[in-house]
Amino acid sequence: MSTENSKENCICINRRNVLKLSMAAGVTLAAGGITRLAEAATKEKGPSNKPEYAKQQFLKSMNCSQAILETYGPSMGLSVAQARKVAAAFAGGMGMGSECGAITGAYMVIGMKYGKTTESDSHADNETFKRLAEFNKKFKVRHKCLTCSELLETDMGTPEGVKTAAGKGYFTSRCPGYVKSAAEILDKVLA
């Protein structure tokens, strides 16, 4: 091998290494930028009037659990799209007429803020369940019950019950108030 070929090979290898290092540095800087964006998102307060905002989101989507989680989730690092996906199946009392979706949405928010991240964190468990109990008590004081079927006075676990609630206009007359109420209570419970 001649000396000229060796020099060319060294230059190519060095250029390749420089490109690799440049790419690695670019990826590292970009990741740092993404991290800063995520940190900034978690510091956002979100809408100034969360109860009214949640009510309006419900009226757009007709999904009570999504309206709550997409209102509060972004201030805790969850994107609106992720919040919508996570909460999608909780509307209508999880499609069975069980706990109102606004309530299960609030439970998810309480869990995001106070829930444990390690198996042995009994303090977080205690705090979470204390806040859930407080939320439930305040909601019951306002509305007497927690289930979608009781709130809408029909079996929301059946297509007939859903049709009855829709026919009576409950999704636009009652449900927005439950969503707003859940958010008002949630604001107090999170404080």
N, C-alpha and C. Protein backbone atom coordinates (compact mmCIF):
# COMPACT_ATOMS: atom_id res chain seq x y z
N MET A 1 0.85 -1.17 0.00
CA MET A 1 0.00 0.00 0.00
C MET A 1 0.89 1.23 0.00
N SER A 2 0.57 2.18 -0.85
CA SER A 2 1.40 3.38 -0.92
C SER A 2 1.03 4.33 0.20
N THR A 3 1.91 5.29 0.41
CA THR A 3 1.68 6.28 1.45
C THR A 3 0.49 7.16 1.10
N GLU A 4 0.32 7.44 -0.20
CA GLU A 4 -0.81 8.29 -0.61
C GLU A 4 -2.14 7.60 -0.30
N ASN A 5 -2.24 6.31 -0.58
CA ASN A 5 -3.48 5.58 -0.28
C ASN A 5 -3.76 5.55 1.22
N SER A 6 -2.73 5.40 2.02
CA SER A 6 -2.90 5.40 3.47
C SER A 6 -3.44 6.74 3.95
N LYS A 7 -2.90 7.83 3.37
CA LYS A 7 -3.36 9.16 3.77
C LYS A 7 -4.82 9.34 3.37
N GLU A 8 -5.18 8.89 2.16
CA GLU A 8 -6.56 9.02 1.73
C GLU A 8 -7.50 8.25 2.64
N ASN A 9 -7.09 7.03 3.00
CA ASN A 9 -7.91 6.22 3.90
C ASN A 9 -8.07 6.89 5.25
N CYS A 10 -7.01 7.47 5.76
CA CYS A 10 -7.07 8.16 7.05
C CYS A 10 -8.01 9.34 6.96
N ILE A 11 -7.93 10.08 5.87
CA ILE A 11 -8.80 11.24 5.72
C ILE A 11 -10.26 10.79 5.64
N CYS A 12 -10.54 9.72 4.90
CA CYS A 12 -11.91 9.22 4.80
C CYS A 12 -12.41 8.75 6.15
N ILE A 13 -11.58 8.01 6.86
CA ILE A 13 -11.98 7.52 8.18
C ILE A 13 -12.20 8.71 9.12
N ASN A 14 -11.32 9.67 9.07
CA ASN A 14 -11.48 10.83 9.93
C ASN A 14 -12.74 11.60 9.58
N ARG A 15 -13.00 11.76 8.31
CA ARG A 15 -14.22 12.46 7.90
C ARG A 15 -15.46 11.69 8.39
N ARG A 16 -15.41 10.37 8.24
CA ARG A 16 -16.53 9.54 8.68
C ARG A 16 -16.73 9.68 10.19
N ASN A 17 -15.65 9.67 10.92
CA ASN A 17 -15.75 9.83 12.37
C ASN A 17 -16.29 11.21 12.74
N VAL A 18 -15.87 12.21 12.00
CA VAL A 18 -16.38 13.56 12.25
C VAL A 18 -17.88 13.60 11.98
N LEU A 19 -18.30 12.97 10.90
CA LEU A 19 -19.74 12.94 10.60
C LEU A 19 -20.51 12.19 11.68
N LYS A 20 -19.97 11.07 12.13
CA LYS A 20 -20.64 10.32 13.18
C LYS A 20 -20.75 11.15 14.46
N LEU A 21 -19.68 11.79 14.82
CA LEU A 21 -19.70 12.63 16.03
C LEU A 21 -20.66 13.79 15.87
N SER A 22 -20.70 14.37 14.68
CA SER A 22 -21.63 15.47 14.43
C SER A 22 -23.07 15.00 14.55
N MET A 23 -23.35 13.83 13.99
CA MET A 23 -24.71 13.30 14.09
C MET A 23 -25.06 12.99 15.54
N ALA A 24 -24.12 12.40 16.26
CA ALA A 24 -24.38 12.09 17.66
C ALA A 24 -24.63 13.36 18.47
N ALA A 25 -23.84 14.38 18.19
CA ALA A 25 -24.03 15.65 18.89
C ALA A 25 -25.38 16.26 18.54
N GLY A 26 -25.77 16.17 17.28
CA GLY A 26 -27.07 16.71 16.86
C GLY A 26 -28.22 15.99 17.53
N VAL A 27 -28.14 14.67 17.60
CA VAL A 27 -29.19 13.89 18.26
C VAL A 27 -29.25 14.24 19.74
N THR A 28 -28.09 14.37 20.37
CA THR A 28 -28.04 14.72 21.79
C THR A 28 -28.65 16.09 22.03
N LEU A 29 -28.30 17.06 21.19
CA LEU A 29 -28.86 18.40 21.34
C LEU A 29 -30.36 18.39 21.10
N ALA A 30 -30.79 17.63 20.08
CA ALA A 30 -32.23 17.56 19.80
C ALA A 30 -32.97 16.93 20.97
N ALA A 31 -32.41 15.87 21.53
CA ALA A 31 -33.05 15.22 22.69
C ALA A 31 -33.14 16.19 23.86
N GLY A 32 -32.10 16.97 24.05
CA GLY A 32 -32.13 17.99 25.11
C GLY A 32 -33.22 19.00 24.85
N GLY A 33 -33.42 19.36 23.61
CA GLY A 33 -34.47 20.30 23.25
C GLY A 33 -35.85 19.71 23.51
N ILE A 34 -36.01 18.43 23.18
CA ILE A 34 -37.27 17.75 23.43
C ILE A 34 -37.54 17.69 24.93
N THR A 35 -36.50 17.40 25.69
CA THR A 35 -36.65 17.36 27.15
C THR A 35 -37.08 18.71 27.67
N ARG A 36 -36.46 19.76 27.17
CA ARG A 36 -36.85 21.11 27.62
C ARG A 36 -38.29 21.43 27.24
N LEU A 37 -38.73 20.99 26.06
CA LEU A 37 -40.12 21.20 25.66
C LEU A 37 -41.07 20.45 26.59
N ALA A 38 -40.71 19.21 26.92
CA ALA A 38 -41.54 18.42 27.82
C ALA A 38 -41.60 19.07 29.20
N GLU A 39 -40.46 19.55 29.68
CA GLU A 39 -40.43 20.23 30.98
C GLU A 39 -41.29 21.48 30.94
N ALA A 40 -41.22 22.23 29.85
CA ALA A 40 -42.03 23.44 29.73
C ALA A 40 -43.51 23.08 29.71
N ALA A 41 -43.86 21.99 29.03
CA ALA A 41 -45.26 21.58 28.96
C ALA A 41 -45.79 21.21 30.34
N THR A 42 -44.95 20.57 31.15
CA THR A 42 -45.42 20.17 32.48
C THR A 42 -45.57 21.37 33.40
N LYS A 43 -44.94 22.47 33.07
CA LYS A 43 -45.04 23.65 33.90
C LYS A 43 -46.22 24.54 33.50
N GLU A 44 -46.84 24.22 32.37
CA GLU A 44 -47.98 25.01 31.91
C GLU A 44 -49.14 24.81 32.86
N LYS A 45 -49.86 25.85 33.10
CA LYS A 45 -51.02 25.78 33.99
C LYS A 45 -52.24 25.28 33.24
N GLY A 46 -52.25 25.42 31.94
CA GLY A 46 -53.41 25.03 31.16
C GLY A 46 -54.43 26.16 31.16
N PRO A 47 -55.66 25.84 30.83
CA PRO A 47 -56.70 26.87 30.76
C PRO A 47 -56.90 27.52 32.14
N SER A 48 -57.20 28.81 32.13
CA SER A 48 -57.36 29.52 33.40
C SER A 48 -58.63 29.08 34.13
N ASN A 49 -59.67 28.75 33.39
CA ASN A 49 -60.91 28.28 34.00
C ASN A 49 -61.13 26.83 33.56
N LYS A 50 -60.47 25.92 34.24
CA LYS A 50 -60.51 24.52 33.85
C LYS A 50 -61.93 23.93 33.85
N PRO A 51 -62.77 24.23 34.85
CA PRO A 51 -64.13 23.66 34.80
C PRO A 51 -64.92 24.06 33.55
N GLU A 52 -64.85 25.31 33.19
CA GLU A 52 -65.57 25.77 31.99
C GLU A 52 -64.93 25.17 30.73
N TYR A 53 -63.61 25.11 30.70
CA TYR A 53 -62.91 24.53 29.55
C TYR A 53 -63.29 23.05 29.39
N ALA A 54 -63.31 22.31 30.49
CA ALA A 54 -63.67 20.89 30.43
C ALA A 54 -65.10 20.73 29.92
N LYS A 55 -65.99 21.57 30.38
CA LYS A 55 -67.38 21.54 29.93
C LYS A 55 -67.45 21.76 28.42
N GLN A 56 -66.72 22.74 27.93
CA GLN A 56 -66.72 23.03 26.49
C GLN A 56 -66.10 21.88 25.69
N GLN A 57 -65.04 21.26 26.22
CA GLN A 57 -64.43 20.11 25.55
C GLN A 57 -65.43 18.96 25.47
N PHE A 58 -66.20 18.77 26.55
CA PHE A 58 -67.22 17.73 26.52
C PHE A 58 -68.24 18.00 25.42
N LEU A 59 -68.70 19.23 25.34
CA LEU A 59 -69.71 19.57 24.33
C LEU A 59 -69.18 19.34 22.92
N LYS A 60 -67.87 19.43 22.73
CA LYS A 60 -67.29 19.16 21.41
C LYS A 60 -67.21 17.65 21.13
N SER A 61 -66.84 16.88 22.14
CA SER A 61 -66.55 15.46 21.92
C SER A 61 -67.61 14.50 22.43
N MET A 62 -68.44 14.95 23.37
CA MET A 62 -69.42 14.10 24.05
C MET A 62 -68.75 12.92 24.76
N ASN A 63 -67.55 13.13 25.26
CA ASN A 63 -66.87 12.11 26.06
C ASN A 63 -66.38 12.79 27.34
N CYS A 64 -67.05 12.47 28.44
CA CYS A 64 -66.80 13.16 29.71
C CYS A 64 -65.41 12.87 30.29
N SER A 65 -64.96 11.63 30.22
CA SER A 65 -63.65 11.30 30.78
C SER A 65 -62.53 11.97 29.98
N GLN A 66 -62.67 12.00 28.66
CA GLN A 66 -61.67 12.69 27.84
C GLN A 66 -61.65 14.18 28.15
N ALA A 67 -62.81 14.78 28.33
CA ALA A 67 -62.87 16.22 28.60
C ALA A 67 -62.09 16.57 29.87
N ILE A 68 -62.21 15.74 30.89
CA ILE A 68 -61.48 16.00 32.14
C ILE A 68 -59.99 15.76 31.95
N LEU A 69 -59.61 14.60 31.42
CA LEU A 69 -58.19 14.27 31.33
C LEU A 69 -57.45 15.18 30.36
N GLU A 70 -58.08 15.58 29.25
CA GLU A 70 -57.38 16.46 28.32
C GLU A 70 -57.29 17.89 28.85
N THR A 71 -58.09 18.22 29.84
CA THR A 71 -58.01 19.54 30.47
C THR A 71 -56.86 19.60 31.47
N TYR A 72 -56.67 18.54 32.24
CA TYR A 72 -55.67 18.54 33.31
C TYR A 72 -54.37 17.82 32.94
N GLY A 73 -54.43 16.83 32.08
CA GLY A 73 -53.26 16.02 31.74
C GLY A 73 -52.06 16.78 31.21
N PRO A 74 -52.26 17.74 30.29
CA PRO A 74 -51.09 18.45 29.74
C PRO A 74 -50.25 19.18 30.79
N SER A 75 -50.86 19.66 31.86
CA SER A 75 -50.07 20.33 32.89
C SER A 75 -49.27 19.33 33.71
N MET A 76 -49.51 18.04 33.49
CA MET A 76 -48.78 16.99 34.20
C MET A 76 -47.92 16.16 33.25
N GLY A 77 -47.74 16.67 32.02
CA GLY A 77 -46.86 16.01 31.07
C GLY A 77 -47.52 15.08 30.08
N LEU A 78 -48.84 14.95 30.13
CA LEU A 78 -49.57 14.09 29.21
C LEU A 78 -50.09 14.95 28.06
N SER A 79 -49.83 14.55 26.84
CA SER A 79 -50.32 15.33 25.71
C SER A 79 -51.84 15.18 25.60
N VAL A 80 -52.47 16.10 24.91
CA VAL A 80 -53.91 16.03 24.69
C VAL A 80 -54.25 14.74 23.95
N ALA A 81 -53.46 14.40 22.94
CA ALA A 81 -53.73 13.17 22.18
C ALA A 81 -53.64 11.94 23.07
N GLN A 82 -52.62 11.89 23.93
CA GLN A 82 -52.49 10.75 24.85
C GLN A 82 -53.66 10.72 25.83
N ALA A 83 -54.04 11.88 26.33
CA ALA A 83 -55.16 11.95 27.28
C ALA A 83 -56.43 11.43 26.63
N ARG A 84 -56.67 11.82 25.40
CA ARG A 84 -57.87 11.36 24.70
C ARG A 84 -57.88 9.85 24.53
N LYS A 85 -56.72 9.30 24.18
CA LYS A 85 -56.64 7.84 24.00
C LYS A 85 -56.84 7.10 25.32
N VAL A 86 -56.15 7.56 26.36
CA VAL A 86 -56.24 6.89 27.66
C VAL A 86 -57.67 6.92 28.18
N ALA A 87 -58.35 8.04 28.04
CA ALA A 87 -59.67 8.21 28.64
C ALA A 87 -60.82 7.75 27.74
N ALA A 88 -60.54 7.37 26.52
CA ALA A 88 -61.59 7.08 25.54
C ALA A 88 -62.62 6.05 26.01
N ALA A 89 -62.19 5.02 26.68
CA ALA A 89 -63.09 3.92 27.03
C ALA A 89 -63.83 4.12 28.36
N PHE A 90 -63.66 5.28 28.99
CA PHE A 90 -64.28 5.50 30.30
C PHE A 90 -65.60 6.25 30.24
N ALA A 91 -66.00 6.73 29.09
CA ALA A 91 -67.26 7.47 28.96
C ALA A 91 -68.44 6.52 29.19
N GLY A 92 -69.57 7.10 29.56
CA GLY A 92 -70.77 6.29 29.76
C GLY A 92 -70.60 5.27 30.87
N GLY A 93 -69.81 5.64 31.87
CA GLY A 93 -69.58 4.69 32.96
C GLY A 93 -68.87 3.45 32.45
N MET A 94 -67.83 3.68 31.65
CA MET A 94 -67.04 2.62 31.03
C MET A 94 -67.91 1.78 30.10
N GLY A 95 -68.92 2.45 29.52
CA GLY A 95 -69.82 1.76 28.60
C GLY A 95 -70.77 0.81 29.31
N MET A 96 -70.78 0.83 30.64
CA MET A 96 -71.62 -0.09 31.41
C MET A 96 -72.55 0.64 32.37
N GLY A 97 -72.51 1.98 32.35
CA GLY A 97 -73.35 2.73 33.27
C GLY A 97 -72.77 2.85 34.66
N SER A 98 -71.51 2.44 34.83
CA SER A 98 -70.85 2.52 36.14
C SER A 98 -70.47 3.96 36.44
N GLU A 99 -69.35 4.17 37.15
CA GLU A 99 -68.94 5.54 37.50
C GLU A 99 -68.93 6.45 36.28
N CYS A 100 -69.51 7.62 36.47
CA CYS A 100 -69.55 8.64 35.42
C CYS A 100 -68.13 8.88 34.90
N GLY A 101 -68.00 9.06 33.60
CA GLY A 101 -66.70 9.29 33.00
C GLY A 101 -66.00 10.53 33.52
N ALA A 102 -66.77 11.55 33.91
CA ALA A 102 -66.14 12.75 34.49
C ALA A 102 -65.45 12.38 35.79
N ILE A 103 -66.03 11.45 36.52
CA ILE A 103 -65.44 10.99 37.77
C ILE A 103 -64.20 10.16 37.51
N THR A 104 -64.27 9.21 36.57
CA THR A 104 -63.09 8.39 36.30
C THR A 104 -61.97 9.24 35.69
N GLY A 105 -62.34 10.25 34.92
CA GLY A 105 -61.33 11.19 34.43
C GLY A 105 -60.64 11.90 35.58
N ALA A 106 -61.43 12.32 36.57
CA ALA A 106 -60.87 12.97 37.76
C ALA A 106 -59.98 12.00 38.53
N TYR A 107 -60.39 10.75 38.63
CA TYR A 107 -59.55 9.75 39.31
C TYR A 107 -58.18 9.63 38.64
N MET A 108 -58.20 9.63 37.31
CA MET A 108 -56.92 9.53 36.58
C MET A 108 -56.03 10.73 36.88
N VAL A 109 -56.62 11.91 36.95
CA VAL A 109 -55.85 13.12 37.25
C VAL A 109 -55.28 13.05 38.66
N ILE A 110 -56.10 12.62 39.61
CA ILE A 110 -55.62 12.48 40.99
C ILE A 110 -54.47 11.47 41.03
N GLY A 111 -54.61 10.38 40.33
CA GLY A 111 -53.54 9.39 40.26
C GLY A 111 -52.28 9.94 39.64
N MET A 112 -52.44 10.76 38.60
CA MET A 112 -51.26 11.35 37.95
C MET A 112 -50.50 12.25 38.92
N LYS A 113 -51.25 12.97 39.75
CA LYS A 113 -50.61 13.91 40.66
C LYS A 113 -50.07 13.24 41.93
N TYR A 114 -50.82 12.31 42.49
CA TYR A 114 -50.46 11.77 43.80
C TYR A 114 -50.09 10.29 43.80
N GLY A 115 -50.33 9.59 42.71
CA GLY A 115 -50.12 8.15 42.67
C GLY A 115 -48.68 7.74 42.91
N LYS A 116 -48.53 6.55 43.44
CA LYS A 116 -47.18 6.05 43.74
C LYS A 116 -46.45 5.61 42.47
N THR A 117 -45.15 5.72 42.53
CA THR A 117 -44.32 5.30 41.41
C THR A 117 -43.40 4.14 41.81
N THR A 118 -43.38 3.81 43.09
CA THR A 118 -42.64 2.64 43.55
C THR A 118 -43.59 1.77 44.37
N GLU A 119 -43.31 0.48 44.40
CA GLU A 119 -44.19 -0.46 45.07
C GLU A 119 -44.38 -0.16 46.56
N SER A 120 -43.37 0.36 47.19
CA SER A 120 -43.41 0.53 48.64
C SER A 120 -43.81 1.93 49.11
N ASP A 121 -44.34 2.74 48.23
CA ASP A 121 -44.66 4.12 48.60
C ASP A 121 -46.08 4.19 49.19
N SER A 122 -46.21 3.77 50.44
CA SER A 122 -47.53 3.76 51.08
C SER A 122 -48.03 5.18 51.33
N HIS A 123 -47.13 6.15 51.47
CA HIS A 123 -47.56 7.54 51.66
C HIS A 123 -48.33 8.02 50.43
N ALA A 124 -47.83 7.70 49.25
CA ALA A 124 -48.52 8.10 48.01
C ALA A 124 -49.87 7.40 47.92
N ASP A 125 -49.93 6.13 48.28
CA ASP A 125 -51.21 5.41 48.28
C ASP A 125 -52.20 6.10 49.22
N ASN A 126 -51.75 6.40 50.42
CA ASN A 126 -52.63 7.05 51.40
C ASN A 126 -53.13 8.40 50.88
N GLU A 127 -52.22 9.18 50.31
CA GLU A 127 -52.60 10.50 49.79
C GLU A 127 -53.58 10.38 48.63
N THR A 128 -53.32 9.44 47.74
CA THR A 128 -54.20 9.23 46.59
C THR A 128 -55.61 8.87 47.04
N PHE A 129 -55.72 7.89 47.92
CA PHE A 129 -57.04 7.42 48.33
C PHE A 129 -57.75 8.42 49.24
N LYS A 130 -57.01 9.22 49.97
CA LYS A 130 -57.61 10.30 50.75
C LYS A 130 -58.26 11.32 49.81
N ARG A 131 -57.55 11.66 48.74
CA ARG A 131 -58.06 12.63 47.76
C ARG A 131 -59.25 12.05 46.98
N LEU A 132 -59.19 10.75 46.66
CA LEU A 132 -60.33 10.11 45.98
C LEU A 132 -61.57 10.15 46.87
N ALA A 133 -61.40 9.83 48.14
CA ALA A 133 -62.53 9.85 49.07
C ALA A 133 -63.10 11.26 49.18
N GLU A 134 -62.22 12.26 49.24
CA GLU A 134 -62.67 13.65 49.31
C GLU A 134 -63.45 14.03 48.05
N PHE A 135 -62.93 13.63 46.90
CA PHE A 135 -63.61 13.92 45.63
C PHE A 135 -64.99 13.27 45.62
N ASN A 136 -65.06 11.97 45.96
CA ASN A 136 -66.33 11.25 45.96
C ASN A 136 -67.35 11.90 46.89
N LYS A 137 -66.90 12.26 48.08
CA LYS A 137 -67.80 12.87 49.07
C LYS A 137 -68.38 14.17 48.52
N LYS A 138 -67.53 15.02 47.96
CA LYS A 138 -68.00 16.31 47.44
C LYS A 138 -68.92 16.14 46.23
N PHE A 139 -68.62 15.18 45.38
CA PHE A 139 -69.48 14.95 44.22
C PHE A 139 -70.85 14.44 44.67
N LYS A 140 -70.86 13.53 45.65
CA LYS A 140 -72.12 13.00 46.16
C LYS A 140 -72.96 14.08 46.85
N VAL A 141 -72.29 15.00 47.53
CA VAL A 141 -73.03 16.10 48.15
C VAL A 141 -73.77 16.89 47.08
N ARG A 142 -73.12 17.11 45.95
CA ARG A 142 -73.76 17.88 44.87
C ARG A 142 -74.79 17.09 44.09
N HIS A 143 -74.48 15.80 43.84
CA HIS A 143 -75.30 15.05 42.88
C HIS A 143 -75.91 13.75 43.41
N LYS A 144 -75.67 13.43 44.66
CA LYS A 144 -76.27 12.27 45.35
C LYS A 144 -75.69 10.91 44.95
N CYS A 145 -75.05 10.80 43.81
CA CYS A 145 -74.54 9.51 43.36
C CYS A 145 -73.34 9.70 42.44
N LEU A 146 -72.70 8.58 42.07
CA LEU A 146 -71.51 8.62 41.24
C LEU A 146 -71.67 7.92 39.90
N THR A 147 -72.69 7.11 39.75
CA THR A 147 -72.78 6.32 38.52
C THR A 147 -73.53 7.04 37.41
N CYS A 148 -73.09 6.77 36.23
CA CYS A 148 -73.67 7.37 35.03
C CYS A 148 -75.16 7.02 34.93
N SER A 149 -75.50 5.76 35.18
CA SER A 149 -76.90 5.32 35.08
C SER A 149 -77.78 6.05 36.08
N GLU A 150 -77.31 6.22 37.31
CA GLU A 150 -78.11 6.93 38.31
C GLU A 150 -78.21 8.42 37.98
N LEU A 151 -77.10 9.00 37.55
CA LEU A 151 -77.11 10.43 37.22
C LEU A 151 -78.07 10.73 36.06
N LEU A 152 -78.15 9.81 35.11
CA LEU A 152 -78.99 10.04 33.93
C LEU A 152 -80.32 9.29 34.01
N GLU A 153 -80.57 8.61 35.12
CA GLU A 153 -81.83 7.93 35.38
C GLU A 153 -82.25 6.97 34.28
N THR A 154 -81.26 6.25 33.75
CA THR A 154 -81.51 5.23 32.75
C THR A 154 -80.32 4.27 32.74
N ASP A 155 -80.50 3.08 32.24
CA ASP A 155 -79.42 2.09 32.22
C ASP A 155 -78.46 2.40 31.07
N MET A 156 -77.39 3.09 31.40
CA MET A 156 -76.41 3.50 30.38
C MET A 156 -75.54 2.34 29.90
N GLY A 157 -75.77 1.17 30.44
CA GLY A 157 -75.05 -0.01 29.99
C GLY A 157 -75.75 -0.72 28.85
N THR A 158 -76.85 -0.14 28.38
CA THR A 158 -77.60 -0.74 27.28
C THR A 158 -77.80 0.29 26.16
N PRO A 159 -77.90 -0.17 24.94
CA PRO A 159 -78.17 0.76 23.84
C PRO A 159 -79.49 1.51 24.03
N GLU A 160 -80.48 0.83 24.61
CA GLU A 160 -81.77 1.48 24.86
C GLU A 160 -81.63 2.62 25.86
N GLY A 161 -80.83 2.39 26.90
CA GLY A 161 -80.61 3.43 27.91
C GLY A 161 -79.89 4.64 27.33
N VAL A 162 -78.91 4.39 26.50
CA VAL A 162 -78.18 5.48 25.84
C VAL A 162 -79.15 6.26 24.94
N LYS A 163 -79.99 5.52 24.23
CA LYS A 163 -80.97 6.16 23.34
C LYS A 163 -81.96 7.00 24.15
N THR A 164 -82.37 6.50 25.29
CA THR A 164 -83.29 7.24 26.16
C THR A 164 -82.65 8.54 26.64
N ALA A 165 -81.39 8.44 27.13
CA ALA A 165 -80.68 9.64 27.61
C ALA A 165 -80.51 10.65 26.48
N ALA A 166 -80.16 10.17 25.31
CA ALA A 166 -79.99 11.07 24.16
C ALA A 166 -81.33 11.71 23.79
N GLY A 167 -82.38 10.91 23.77
CA GLY A 167 -83.71 11.41 23.41
C GLY A 167 -84.23 12.47 24.37
N LYS A 168 -83.83 12.36 25.63
CA LYS A 168 -84.24 13.35 26.62
C LYS A 168 -83.30 14.55 26.67
N GLY A 169 -82.26 14.51 25.83
CA GLY A 169 -81.33 15.64 25.76
C GLY A 169 -80.36 15.73 26.92
N TYR A 170 -80.18 14.63 27.67
CA TYR A 170 -79.32 14.64 28.85
C TYR A 170 -77.84 14.89 28.53
N PHE A 171 -77.41 14.47 27.35
CA PHE A 171 -76.00 14.65 27.01
C PHE A 171 -75.64 16.12 26.83
N THR A 172 -76.63 16.94 26.53
CA THR A 172 -76.37 18.38 26.40
C THR A 172 -76.95 19.20 27.55
N SER A 173 -77.86 18.60 28.32
CA SER A 173 -78.44 19.36 29.44
C SER A 173 -77.85 18.97 30.79
N ARG A 174 -77.60 17.69 31.03
CA ARG A 174 -77.09 17.25 32.32
C ARG A 174 -75.57 17.02 32.33
N CYS A 175 -75.11 16.26 31.35
CA CYS A 175 -73.69 15.84 31.35
C CYS A 175 -72.71 17.02 31.39
N PRO A 176 -72.91 18.09 30.65
CA PRO A 176 -71.95 19.20 30.75
C PRO A 176 -71.83 19.73 32.18
N GLY A 177 -72.93 19.74 32.90
CA GLY A 177 -72.89 20.18 34.29
C GLY A 177 -72.12 19.23 35.18
N TYR A 178 -72.23 17.92 34.92
CA TYR A 178 -71.47 16.94 35.70
C TYR A 178 -69.97 17.08 35.43
N VAL A 179 -69.63 17.32 34.18
CA VAL A 179 -68.22 17.52 33.82
C VAL A 179 -67.68 18.77 34.51
N LYS A 180 -68.41 19.85 34.43
CA LYS A 180 -67.97 21.10 35.06
C LYS A 180 -67.87 20.93 36.57
N SER A 181 -68.84 20.29 37.15
CA SER A 181 -68.84 20.04 38.59
C SER A 181 -67.64 19.18 39.01
N ALA A 182 -67.38 18.13 38.25
CA ALA A 182 -66.23 17.27 38.56
C ALA A 182 -64.93 18.08 38.51
N ALA A 183 -64.81 18.97 37.54
CA ALA A 183 -63.60 19.80 37.42
C ALA A 183 -63.52 20.81 38.58
N GLU A 184 -64.64 21.37 38.97
CA GLU A 184 -64.63 22.31 40.11
C GLU A 184 -64.16 21.61 41.38
N ILE A 185 -64.68 20.42 41.59
CA ILE A 185 -64.28 19.63 42.77
C ILE A 185 -62.82 19.22 42.65
N LEU A 186 -62.41 18.82 41.47
CA LEU A 186 -61.03 18.41 41.23
C LEU A 186 -60.06 19.56 41.54
N ASP A 187 -60.42 20.76 41.12
CA ASP A 187 -59.57 21.92 41.43
C ASP A 187 -59.33 22.04 42.94
N LYS A 188 -60.35 21.81 43.73
CA LYS A 188 -60.23 21.89 45.19
C LYS A 188 -59.42 20.74 45.75
N VAL A 189 -59.66 19.54 45.23
CA VAL A 189 -58.98 18.34 45.72
C VAL A 189 -57.48 18.38 45.37
N LEU A 190 -57.14 18.97 44.24
CA LEU A 190 -55.73 19.04 43.83
C LEU A 190 -54.96 20.14 44.55
N ALA A 191 -55.66 21.11 45.10
CA ALA A 191 -55.00 22.27 45.73
C ALA A 191 -54.22 21.89 46.97
